[in-house]
Amino acid sequence: EKSLYEFYDLFILDERMPLVLGTELVEDIKRDNPQA
């Protein structure tokens, strides 16, 4: 949600989290912001 409404120069994501995998977040963020 933060990636949608705020600008970041870089995202650092953990792979194993409850509810969502980091790789899934990568896909979602890149879908909305291919240059992320």
PDB file of all heavy atoms in Angstrom:
ATOM      1  N   GLU A   1       0.836  -1.206   0.000  1.00  0.00           N
ATOM      2  CA  GLU A   1       0.000   0.000   0.000  1.00  0.00           C
ATOM      3  C   GLU A   1       0.872   1.259   0.000  1.00  0.00           C
ATOM      4  O   GLU A   1       0.602   2.214  -0.724  1.00  0.00           O
ATOM      5  CB  GLU A   1      -0.926  -0.021   1.218  1.00  0.00           C
ATOM      6  CG  GLU A   1      -2.053   0.978   1.109  1.00  0.00           C
ATOM      7  CD  GLU A   1      -3.108   0.744   2.175  1.00  0.00           C
ATOM      8  OE1 GLU A   1      -3.706  -0.337   2.210  1.00  0.00           O
ATOM      9  OE2 GLU A   1      -3.314   1.688   2.958  1.00  0.00           O
ATOM     10  N   LYS A   2       1.927   1.256   0.815  1.00  0.00           N
ATOM     11  CA  LYS A   2       2.842   2.401   0.853  1.00  0.00           C
ATOM     12  C   LYS A   2       3.482   2.622  -0.522  1.00  0.00           C
ATOM     13  O   LYS A   2       3.690   3.758  -0.929  1.00  0.00           O
ATOM     14  CB  LYS A   2       3.932   2.195   1.907  1.00  0.00           C
ATOM     15  CG  LYS A   2       3.455   2.374   3.335  1.00  0.00           C
ATOM     16  CD  LYS A   2       4.612   2.148   4.312  1.00  0.00           C
ATOM     17  CE  LYS A   2       4.218   2.480   5.720  1.00  0.00           C
ATOM     18  NZ  LYS A   2       3.965   3.886   5.947  1.00  0.00           N
ATOM     19  N   SER A   3       3.775   1.533  -1.239  1.00  0.00           N
ATOM     20  CA  SER A   3       4.396   1.665  -2.555  1.00  0.00           C
ATOM     21  C   SER A   3       3.466   2.352  -3.551  1.00  0.00           C
ATOM     22  O   SER A   3       3.922   2.955  -4.515  1.00  0.00           O
ATOM     23  CB  SER A   3       4.820   0.294  -3.098  1.00  0.00           C
ATOM     24  OG  SER A   3       3.724  -0.422  -3.645  1.00  0.00           O
ATOM     25  N   LEU A   4       2.172   2.260  -3.310  1.00  0.00           N
ATOM     26  CA  LEU A   4       1.199   2.879  -4.207  1.00  0.00           C
ATOM     27  C   LEU A   4       1.052   4.379  -3.978  1.00  0.00           C
ATOM     28  O   LEU A   4       0.782   5.125  -4.920  1.00  0.00           O
ATOM     29  CB  LEU A   4      -0.183   2.226  -4.024  1.00  0.00           C
ATOM     30  CG  LEU A   4      -0.318   0.777  -4.460  1.00  0.00           C
ATOM     31  CD1 LEU A   4      -1.687   0.241  -4.073  1.00  0.00           C
ATOM     32  CD2 LEU A   4      -0.080   0.643  -5.957  1.00  0.00           C
ATOM     33  N   TYR A   5       1.202   4.807  -2.716  1.00  0.00           N
ATOM     34  CA  TYR A   5       0.858   6.179  -2.368  1.00  0.00           C
ATOM     35  C   TYR A   5       2.030   7.065  -1.994  1.00  0.00           C
ATOM     36  O   TYR A   5       1.854   8.259  -1.784  1.00  0.00           O
ATOM     37  CB  TYR A   5      -0.177   6.172  -1.227  1.00  0.00           C
ATOM     38  CG  TYR A   5      -1.431   5.452  -1.632  1.00  0.00           C
ATOM     39  CD1 TYR A   5      -1.744   4.214  -1.078  1.00  0.00           C
ATOM     40  CD2 TYR A   5      -2.285   5.980  -2.596  1.00  0.00           C
ATOM     41  CE1 TYR A   5      -2.893   3.532  -1.468  1.00  0.00           C
ATOM     42  CE2 TYR A   5      -3.427   5.300  -2.994  1.00  0.00           C
ATOM     43  CZ  TYR A   5      -3.726   4.078  -2.423  1.00  0.00           C
ATOM     44  OH  TYR A   5      -4.852   3.408  -2.818  1.00  0.00           O
ATOM     45  N   GLU A   6       3.228   6.479  -1.897  1.00  0.00           N
ATOM     46  CA  GLU A   6       4.410   7.254  -1.548  1.00  0.00           C
ATOM     47  C   GLU A   6       5.535   6.867  -2.491  1.00  0.00           C
ATOM     48  O   GLU A   6       5.596   5.749  -2.968  1.00  0.00           O
ATOM     49  CB  GLU A   6       4.829   6.974  -0.099  1.00  0.00           C
ATOM     50  CG  GLU A   6       3.762   7.326   0.923  1.00  0.00           C
ATOM     51  CD  GLU A   6       4.140   6.897   2.335  1.00  0.00           C
ATOM     52  OE1 GLU A   6       5.321   7.000   2.689  1.00  0.00           O
ATOM     53  OE2 GLU A   6       3.238   6.461   3.062  1.00  0.00           O
ATOM     54  N   PHE A   7       6.462   7.810  -2.741  1.00  0.00           N
ATOM     55  CA  PHE A   7       7.590   7.519  -3.626  1.00  0.00           C
ATOM     56  C   PHE A   7       8.785   7.028  -2.822  1.00  0.00           C
ATOM     57  O   PHE A   7       9.135   7.596  -1.793  1.00  0.00           O
ATOM     58  CB  PHE A   7       8.002   8.759  -4.435  1.00  0.00           C
ATOM     59  CG  PHE A   7       9.225   8.491  -5.264  1.00  0.00           C
ATOM     60  CD1 PHE A   7       9.111   7.820  -6.468  1.00  0.00           C
ATOM     61  CD2 PHE A   7      10.479   8.855  -4.813  1.00  0.00           C
ATOM     62  CE1 PHE A   7      10.244   7.526  -7.223  1.00  0.00           C
ATOM     63  CE2 PHE A   7      11.617   8.567  -5.558  1.00  0.00           C
ATOM     64  CZ  PHE A   7      11.490   7.905  -6.770  1.00  0.00           C
ATOM     65  N   TYR A   8       9.427   5.985  -3.331  1.00  0.00           N
ATOM     66  CA  TYR A   8      10.660   5.460  -2.750  1.00  0.00           C
ATOM     67  C   TYR A   8      11.663   5.234  -3.869  1.00  0.00           C
ATOM     68  O   TYR A   8      11.302   4.786  -4.953  1.00  0.00           O
ATOM     69  CB  TYR A   8      10.403   4.136  -2.009  1.00  0.00           C
ATOM     70  CG  TYR A   8       9.445   4.313  -0.862  1.00  0.00           C
ATOM     71  CD1 TYR A   8       8.094   4.053  -1.013  1.00  0.00           C
ATOM     72  CD2 TYR A   8       9.890   4.793   0.364  1.00  0.00           C
ATOM     73  CE1 TYR A   8       7.200   4.248   0.029  1.00  0.00           C
ATOM     74  CE2 TYR A   8       9.007   4.996   1.413  1.00  0.00           C
ATOM     75  CZ  TYR A   8       7.663   4.723   1.236  1.00  0.00           C
ATOM     76  OH  TYR A   8       6.785   4.931   2.265  1.00  0.00           O
ATOM     77  N   ASP A   9      12.922   5.524  -3.578  1.00  0.00           N
ATOM     78  CA  ASP A   9      13.988   5.285  -4.548  1.00  0.00           C
ATOM     79  C   ASP A   9      14.351   3.813  -4.611  1.00  0.00           C
ATOM     80  O   ASP A   9      14.887   3.339  -5.614  1.00  0.00           O
ATOM     81  CB  ASP A   9      15.235   6.095  -4.162  1.00  0.00           C
ATOM     82  CG  ASP A   9      14.956   7.590  -4.222  1.00  0.00           C
ATOM     83  OD1 ASP A   9      14.842   8.123  -5.328  1.00  0.00           O
ATOM     84  OD2 ASP A   9      14.831   8.207  -3.140  1.00  0.00           O
ATOM     85  N   LEU A  10      14.065   3.094  -3.505  1.00  0.00           N
ATOM     86  CA  LEU A  10      14.443   1.683  -3.417  1.00  0.00           C
ATOM     87  C   LEU A  10      13.545   0.965  -2.428  1.00  0.00           C
ATOM     88  O   LEU A  10      13.142   1.545  -1.416  1.00  0.00           O
ATOM     89  CB  LEU A  10      15.909   1.584  -2.947  1.00  0.00           C
ATOM     90  CG  LEU A  10      16.480   0.181  -2.721  1.00  0.00           C
ATOM     91  CD1 LEU A  10      16.613  -0.571  -4.043  1.00  0.00           C
ATOM     92  CD2 LEU A  10      17.834   0.270  -2.025  1.00  0.00           C
ATOM     93  N   PHE A  11      13.252  -0.289  -2.733  1.00  0.00           N
ATOM     94  CA  PHE A  11      12.498  -1.160  -1.836  1.00  0.00           C
ATOM     95  C   PHE A  11      13.407  -2.301  -1.408  1.00  0.00           C
ATOM     96  O   PHE A  11      14.083  -2.903  -2.241  1.00  0.00           O
ATOM     97  CB  PHE A  11      11.274  -1.756  -2.555  1.00  0.00           C
ATOM     98  CG  PHE A  11      10.301  -0.725  -3.036  1.00  0.00           C
ATOM     99  CD1 PHE A  11      10.438  -0.148  -4.289  1.00  0.00           C
ATOM    100  CD2 PHE A  11       9.253  -0.313  -2.235  1.00  0.00           C
ATOM    101  CE1 PHE A  11       9.547   0.801  -4.739  1.00  0.00           C
ATOM    102  CE2 PHE A  11       8.347   0.636  -2.664  1.00  0.00           C
ATOM    103  CZ  PHE A  11       8.500   1.198  -3.918  1.00  0.00           C
ATOM    104  N   ILE A  12      13.409  -2.613  -0.107  1.00  0.00           N
ATOM    105  CA  ILE A  12      14.126  -3.778   0.417  1.00  0.00           C
ATOM    106  C   ILE A  12      13.071  -4.685   1.031  1.00  0.00           C
ATOM    107  O   ILE A  12      12.394  -4.299   1.984  1.00  0.00           O
ATOM    108  CB  ILE A  12      15.189  -3.373   1.458  1.00  0.00           C
ATOM    109  CG1 ILE A  12      16.230  -2.445   0.822  1.00  0.00           C
ATOM    110  CG2 ILE A  12      15.852  -4.622   2.043  1.00  0.00           C
ATOM    111  CD1 ILE A  12      17.263  -1.901   1.801  1.00  0.00           C
ATOM    112  N   LEU A  13      12.907  -5.868   0.445  1.00  0.00           N
ATOM    113  CA  LEU A  13      11.809  -6.756   0.822  1.00  0.00           C
ATOM    114  C   LEU A  13      12.328  -8.096   1.318  1.00  0.00           C
ATOM    115  O   LEU A  13      13.211  -8.695   0.697  1.00  0.00           O
ATOM    116  CB  LEU A  13      10.910  -7.016  -0.397  1.00  0.00           C
ATOM    117  CG  LEU A  13      10.457  -5.800  -1.202  1.00  0.00           C
ATOM    118  CD1 LEU A  13       9.700  -6.252  -2.442  1.00  0.00           C
ATOM    119  CD2 LEU A  13       9.604  -4.875  -0.345  1.00  0.00           C
ATOM    120  N   ASP A  14      11.756  -8.560   2.410  1.00  0.00           N
ATOM    121  CA  ASP A  14      12.062  -9.908   2.898  1.00  0.00           C
ATOM    122  C   ASP A  14      11.247 -10.898   2.074  1.00  0.00           C
ATOM    123  O   ASP A  14      10.101 -10.614   1.690  1.00  0.00           O
ATOM    124  CB  ASP A  14      11.693 -10.015   4.381  1.00  0.00           C
ATOM    125  CG  ASP A  14      12.108 -11.352   4.982  1.00  0.00           C
ATOM    126  OD1 ASP A  14      13.150 -11.892   4.584  1.00  0.00           O
ATOM    127  OD2 ASP A  14      11.385 -11.837   5.868  1.00  0.00           O
ATOM    128  N   GLU A  15      11.806 -12.061   1.799  1.00  0.00           N
ATOM    129  CA  GLU A  15      11.081 -13.066   1.004  1.00  0.00           C
ATOM    130  C   GLU A  15       9.977 -13.746   1.812  1.00  0.00           C
ATOM    131  O   GLU A  15       8.859 -13.876   1.335  1.00  0.00           O
ATOM    132  CB  GLU A  15      12.056 -14.113   0.453  1.00  0.00           C
ATOM    133  CG  GLU A  15      11.393 -15.309  -0.206  1.00  0.00           C
ATOM    134  CD  GLU A  15      10.454 -14.998  -1.369  1.00  0.00           C
ATOM    135  OE1 GLU A  15      10.400 -13.866  -1.872  1.00  0.00           O
ATOM    136  OE2 GLU A  15       9.735 -15.929  -1.768  1.00  0.00           O
ATOM    137  N   ARG A  16      10.296 -14.177   3.020  1.00  0.00           N
ATOM    138  CA  ARG A  16       9.325 -14.969   3.790  1.00  0.00           C
ATOM    139  C   ARG A  16       8.653 -14.119   4.856  1.00  0.00           C
ATOM    140  O   ARG A  16       9.272 -13.756   5.856  1.00  0.00           O
ATOM    141  CB  ARG A  16      10.017 -16.158   4.438  1.00  0.00           C
ATOM    142  CG  ARG A  16      10.490 -17.166   3.404  1.00  0.00           C
ATOM    143  CD  ARG A  16      10.585 -18.533   3.996  1.00  0.00           C
ATOM    144  NE  ARG A  16      11.017 -19.489   2.984  1.00  0.00           N
ATOM    145  CZ  ARG A  16      11.487 -20.665   3.251  1.00  0.00           C
ATOM    146  NH1 ARG A  16      11.594 -21.066   4.495  1.00  0.00           N
ATOM    147  NH2 ARG A  16      11.847 -21.474   2.281  1.00  0.00           N
ATOM    148  N   MET A  17       7.381 -13.804   4.594  1.00  0.00           N
ATOM    149  CA  MET A  17       6.568 -13.031   5.540  1.00  0.00           C
ATOM    150  C   MET A  17       5.179 -13.642   5.586  1.00  0.00           C
ATOM    151  O   MET A  17       4.752 -14.267   4.615  1.00  0.00           O
ATOM    152  CB  MET A  17       6.454 -11.573   5.081  1.00  0.00           C
ATOM    153  CG  MET A  17       7.753 -10.808   5.054  1.00  0.00           C
ATOM    154  SD  MET A  17       7.519  -9.096   4.542  1.00  0.00           S
ATOM    155  CE  MET A  17       7.264  -9.290   2.764  1.00  0.00           C
ATOM    156  N   PRO A  18       4.462 -13.422   6.671  1.00  0.00           N
ATOM    157  CA  PRO A  18       3.066 -13.875   6.711  1.00  0.00           C
ATOM    158  C   PRO A  18       2.257 -13.121   5.652  1.00  0.00           C
ATOM    159  O   PRO A  18       2.568 -11.976   5.349  1.00  0.00           O
ATOM    160  CB  PRO A  18       2.595 -13.491   8.117  1.00  0.00           C
ATOM    161  CG  PRO A  18       3.830 -13.210   8.901  1.00  0.00           C
ATOM    162  CD  PRO A  18       4.891 -12.816   7.926  1.00  0.00           C
ATOM    163  N   LEU A  19       1.291 -13.753   5.091  1.00  0.00           N
ATOM    164  CA  LEU A  19       0.334 -13.171   4.137  1.00  0.00           C
ATOM    165  C   LEU A  19       0.856 -12.983   2.725  1.00  0.00           C
ATOM    166  O   LEU A  19       0.116 -13.140   1.772  1.00  0.00           O
ATOM    167  CB  LEU A  19      -0.231 -11.835   4.638  1.00  0.00           C
ATOM    168  CG  LEU A  19      -0.904 -11.852   6.010  1.00  0.00           C
ATOM    169  CD1 LEU A  19      -1.367 -10.457   6.390  1.00  0.00           C
ATOM    170  CD2 LEU A  19      -2.079 -12.820   6.029  1.00  0.00           C
ATOM    171  N   VAL A  20       2.126 -12.605   2.558  1.00  0.00           N
ATOM    172  CA  VAL A  20       2.638 -12.337   1.217  1.00  0.00           C
ATOM    173  C   VAL A  20       4.138 -12.643   1.156  1.00  0.00           C
ATOM    174  O   VAL A  20       4.867 -12.383   2.107  1.00  0.00           O
ATOM    175  CB  VAL A  20       2.347 -10.868   0.799  1.00  0.00           C
ATOM    176  CG1 VAL A  20       3.081  -9.888   1.690  1.00  0.00           C
ATOM    177  CG2 VAL A  20       2.675 -10.611  -0.657  1.00  0.00           C
ATOM    178  N   LEU A  21       4.570 -13.220   0.045  1.00  0.00           N
ATOM    179  CA  LEU A  21       5.995 -13.468  -0.181  1.00  0.00           C
ATOM    180  C   LEU A  21       6.641 -12.229  -0.787  1.00  0.00           C
ATOM    181  O   LEU A  21       5.982 -11.475  -1.514  1.00  0.00           O
ATOM    182  CB  LEU A  21       6.197 -14.643  -1.135  1.00  0.00           C
ATOM    183  CG  LEU A  21       5.771 -16.022  -0.641  1.00  0.00           C
ATOM    184  CD1 LEU A  21       5.899 -17.048  -1.769  1.00  0.00           C
ATOM    185  CD2 LEU A  21       6.594 -16.439   0.565  1.00  0.00           C
ATOM    186  N   GLY A  22       7.920 -12.054  -0.518  1.00  0.00           N
ATOM    187  CA  GLY A  22       8.637 -10.937  -1.118  1.00  0.00           C
ATOM    188  C   GLY A  22       8.591 -10.963  -2.633  1.00  0.00           C
ATOM    189  O   GLY A  22       8.457  -9.922  -3.275  1.00  0.00           O
ATOM    190  N   THR A  23       8.693 -12.153  -3.231  1.00  0.00           N
ATOM    191  CA  THR A  23       8.636 -12.249  -4.695  1.00  0.00           C
ATOM    192  C   THR A  23       7.272 -11.800  -5.221  1.00  0.00           C
ATOM    193  O   THR A  23       7.186 -11.212  -6.296  1.00  0.00           O
ATOM    194  CB  THR A  23       8.954 -13.673  -5.176  1.00  0.00           C
ATOM    195  OG1 THR A  23       8.228 -14.615  -4.391  1.00  0.00           O
ATOM    196  CG2 THR A  23      10.448 -13.965  -5.058  1.00  0.00           C
ATOM    197  N   GLU A  24       6.211 -12.058  -4.467  1.00  0.00           N
ATOM    198  CA  GLU A  24       4.885 -11.581  -4.866  1.00  0.00           C
ATOM    199  C   GLU A  24       4.824 -10.057  -4.793  1.00  0.00           C
ATOM    200  O   GLU A  24       4.253  -9.403  -5.670  1.00  0.00           O
ATOM    201  CB  GLU A  24       3.800 -12.189  -3.973  1.00  0.00           C
ATOM    202  CG  GLU A  24       3.659 -13.688  -4.139  1.00  0.00           C
ATOM    203  CD  GLU A  24       2.765 -14.335  -3.094  1.00  0.00           C
ATOM    204  OE1 GLU A  24       2.677 -13.823  -1.954  1.00  0.00           O
ATOM    205  OE2 GLU A  24       2.156 -15.365  -3.429  1.00  0.00           O
ATOM    206  N   LEU A  25       5.430  -9.491  -3.746  1.00  0.00           N
ATOM    207  CA  LEU A  25       5.489  -8.034  -3.631  1.00  0.00           C
ATOM    208  C   LEU A  25       6.284  -7.425  -4.783  1.00  0.00           C
ATOM    209  O   LEU A  25       5.905  -6.383  -5.311  1.00  0.00           O
ATOM    210  CB  LEU A  25       6.134  -7.623  -2.306  1.00  0.00           C
ATOM    211  CG  LEU A  25       5.231  -7.473  -1.102  1.00  0.00           C
ATOM    212  CD1 LEU A  25       6.043  -7.059   0.117  1.00  0.00           C
ATOM    213  CD2 LEU A  25       4.125  -6.483  -1.355  1.00  0.00           C
ATOM    214  N   VAL A  26       7.398  -8.075  -5.152  1.00  0.00           N
ATOM    215  CA  VAL A  26       8.188  -7.594  -6.291  1.00  0.00           C
ATOM    216  C   VAL A  26       7.290  -7.503  -7.525  1.00  0.00           C
ATOM    217  O   VAL A  26       7.267  -6.478  -8.219  1.00  0.00           O
ATOM    218  CB  VAL A  26       9.400  -8.515  -6.575  1.00  0.00           C
ATOM    219  CG1 VAL A  26      10.050  -8.156  -7.906  1.00  0.00           C
ATOM    220  CG2 VAL A  26      10.415  -8.448  -5.449  1.00  0.00           C
ATOM    221  N   GLU A  27       6.548  -8.566  -7.798  1.00  0.00           N
ATOM    222  CA  GLU A  27       5.671  -8.575  -8.968  1.00  0.00           C
ATOM    223  C   GLU A  27       4.633  -7.459  -8.897  1.00  0.00           C
ATOM    224  O   GLU A  27       4.389  -6.757  -9.880  1.00  0.00           O
ATOM    225  CB  GLU A  27       4.970  -9.924  -9.103  1.00  0.00           C
ATOM    226  CG  GLU A  27       5.913 -11.045  -9.487  1.00  0.00           C
ATOM    227  CD  GLU A  27       5.257 -12.413  -9.428  1.00  0.00           C
ATOM    228  OE1 GLU A  27       4.283 -12.585  -8.668  1.00  0.00           O
ATOM    229  OE2 GLU A  27       5.729 -13.310 -10.148  1.00  0.00           O
ATOM    230  N   ASP A  28       4.022  -7.279  -7.727  1.00  0.00           N
ATOM    231  CA  ASP A  28       2.990  -6.254  -7.567  1.00  0.00           C
ATOM    232  C   ASP A  28       3.575  -4.850  -7.728  1.00  0.00           C
ATOM    233  O   ASP A  28       3.003  -4.007  -8.422  1.00  0.00           O
ATOM    234  CB  ASP A  28       2.313  -6.372  -6.202  1.00  0.00           C
ATOM    235  CG  ASP A  28       1.475  -7.643  -6.068  1.00  0.00           C
ATOM    236  OD1 ASP A  28       1.135  -8.255  -7.111  1.00  0.00           O
ATOM    237  OD2 ASP A  28       1.171  -8.017  -4.930  1.00  0.00           O
ATOM    238  N   ILE A  29       4.698  -4.605  -7.088  1.00  0.00           N
ATOM    239  CA  ILE A  29       5.314  -3.278  -7.163  1.00  0.00           C
ATOM    240  C   ILE A  29       5.754  -2.983  -8.589  1.00  0.00           C
ATOM    241  O   ILE A  29       5.522  -1.887  -9.113  1.00  0.00           O
ATOM    242  CB  ILE A  29       6.497  -3.156  -6.173  1.00  0.00           C
ATOM    243  CG1 ILE A  29       5.962  -3.155  -4.730  1.00  0.00           C
ATOM    244  CG2 ILE A  29       7.327  -1.909  -6.454  1.00  0.00           C
ATOM    245  CD1 ILE A  29       7.043  -3.310  -3.658  1.00  0.00           C
ATOM    246  N   LYS A  30       6.386  -3.964  -9.250  1.00  0.00           N
ATOM    247  CA  LYS A  30       6.856  -3.750 -10.623  1.00  0.00           C
ATOM    248  C   LYS A  30       5.693  -3.608 -11.609  1.00  0.00           C
ATOM    249  O   LYS A  30       5.825  -2.913 -12.613  1.00  0.00           O
ATOM    250  CB  LYS A  30       7.813  -4.857 -11.053  1.00  0.00           C
ATOM    251  CG  LYS A  30       9.190  -4.696 -10.424  1.00  0.00           C
ATOM    252  CD  LYS A  30      10.206  -5.564 -11.122  1.00  0.00           C
ATOM    253  CE  LYS A  30      11.596  -5.250 -10.682  1.00  0.00           C
ATOM    254  NZ  LYS A  30      12.261  -4.265 -11.507  1.00  0.00           N
ATOM    255  N   ARG A  31       4.567  -4.235 -11.317  1.00  0.00           N
ATOM    256  CA  ARG A  31       3.405  -4.073 -12.181  1.00  0.00           C
ATOM    257  C   ARG A  31       2.941  -2.612 -12.148  1.00  0.00           C
ATOM    258  O   ARG A  31       2.584  -2.037 -13.169  1.00  0.00           O
ATOM    259  CB  ARG A  31       2.277  -5.004 -11.732  1.00  0.00           C
ATOM    260  CG  ARG A  31       1.044  -4.933 -12.641  1.00  0.00           C
ATOM    261  CD  ARG A  31      -0.120  -5.745 -12.115  1.00  0.00           C
ATOM    262  NE  ARG A  31      -0.506  -5.294 -10.782  1.00  0.00           N
ATOM    263  CZ  ARG A  31      -0.500  -6.053  -9.688  1.00  0.00           C
ATOM    264  NH1 ARG A  31      -0.155  -7.320  -9.749  1.00  0.00           N
ATOM    265  NH2 ARG A  31      -0.861  -5.554  -8.525  1.00  0.00           N
ATOM    266  N   ASP A  32       2.953  -2.028 -10.950  1.00  0.00           N
ATOM    267  CA  ASP A  32       2.512  -0.646 -10.791  1.00  0.00           C
ATOM    268  C   ASP A  32       3.603   0.358 -11.137  1.00  0.00           C
ATOM    269  O   ASP A  32       3.315   1.482 -11.519  1.00  0.00           O
ATOM    270  CB  ASP A  32       2.059  -0.403  -9.341  1.00  0.00           C
ATOM    271  CG  ASP A  32       0.896  -1.306  -8.952  1.00  0.00           C
ATOM    272  OD1 ASP A  32      -0.007  -1.513  -9.790  1.00  0.00           O
ATOM    273  OD2 ASP A  32       0.903  -1.812  -7.822  1.00  0.00           O
ATOM    274  N   ASN A  33       4.860  -0.036 -10.971  1.00  0.00           N
ATOM    275  CA  ASN A  33       5.997   0.847 -11.200  1.00  0.00           C
ATOM    276  C   ASN A  33       7.147   0.032 -11.795  1.00  0.00           C
ATOM    277  O   ASN A  33       8.015  -0.432 -11.066  1.00  0.00           O
ATOM    278  CB  ASN A  33       6.419   1.501  -9.871  1.00  0.00           C
ATOM    279  CG  ASN A  33       7.618   2.404 -10.025  1.00  0.00           C
ATOM    280  OD1 ASN A  33       8.121   2.631 -11.122  1.00  0.00           O
ATOM    281  ND2 ASN A  33       8.120   2.911  -8.911  1.00  0.00           N
ATOM    282  N   PRO A  34       7.138  -0.154 -13.130  1.00  0.00           N
ATOM    283  CA  PRO A  34       8.134  -1.015 -13.769  1.00  0.00           C
ATOM    284  C   PRO A  34       9.585  -0.569 -13.534  1.00  0.00           C
ATOM    285  O   PRO A  34      10.498  -1.372 -13.632  1.00  0.00           O
ATOM    286  CB  PRO A  34       7.787  -0.936 -15.259  1.00  0.00           C
ATOM    287  CG  PRO A  34       6.364  -0.478 -15.300  1.00  0.00           C
ATOM    288  CD  PRO A  34       6.154   0.364 -14.085  1.00  0.00           C
ATOM    289  N   GLN A  35       9.792   0.705 -13.201  1.00  0.00           N
ATOM    290  CA  GLN A  35      11.146   1.220 -12.979  1.00  0.00           C
ATOM    291  C   GLN A  35      11.621   1.042 -11.540  1.00  0.00           C
ATOM    292  O   GLN A  35      12.734   1.427 -11.199  1.00  0.00           O
ATOM    293  CB  GLN A  35      11.199   2.715 -13.346  1.00  0.00           C
ATOM    294  CG  GLN A  35      10.713   3.020 -14.742  1.00  0.00           C
ATOM    295  CD  GLN A  35      11.491   2.287 -15.817  1.00  0.00           C
ATOM    296  OE1 GLN A  35      12.711   2.237 -15.772  1.00  0.00           O
ATOM    297  NE2 GLN A  35      10.802   1.707 -16.776  1.00  0.00           N
ATOM    298  N   ALA A  36      10.778   0.488 -10.677  1.00  0.00           N
ATOM    299  CA  ALA A  36      11.122   0.353  -9.251  1.00  0.00           C
ATOM    300  C   ALA A  36      12.421  -0.422  -9.071  1.00  0.00           C
ATOM    301  O   ALA A  36      12.664  -1.421  -9.744  1.00  0.00           O
ATOM    302  CB  ALA A  36       9.990  -0.341  -8.501  1.00  0.00           C
TER     303      ALA A  36
END
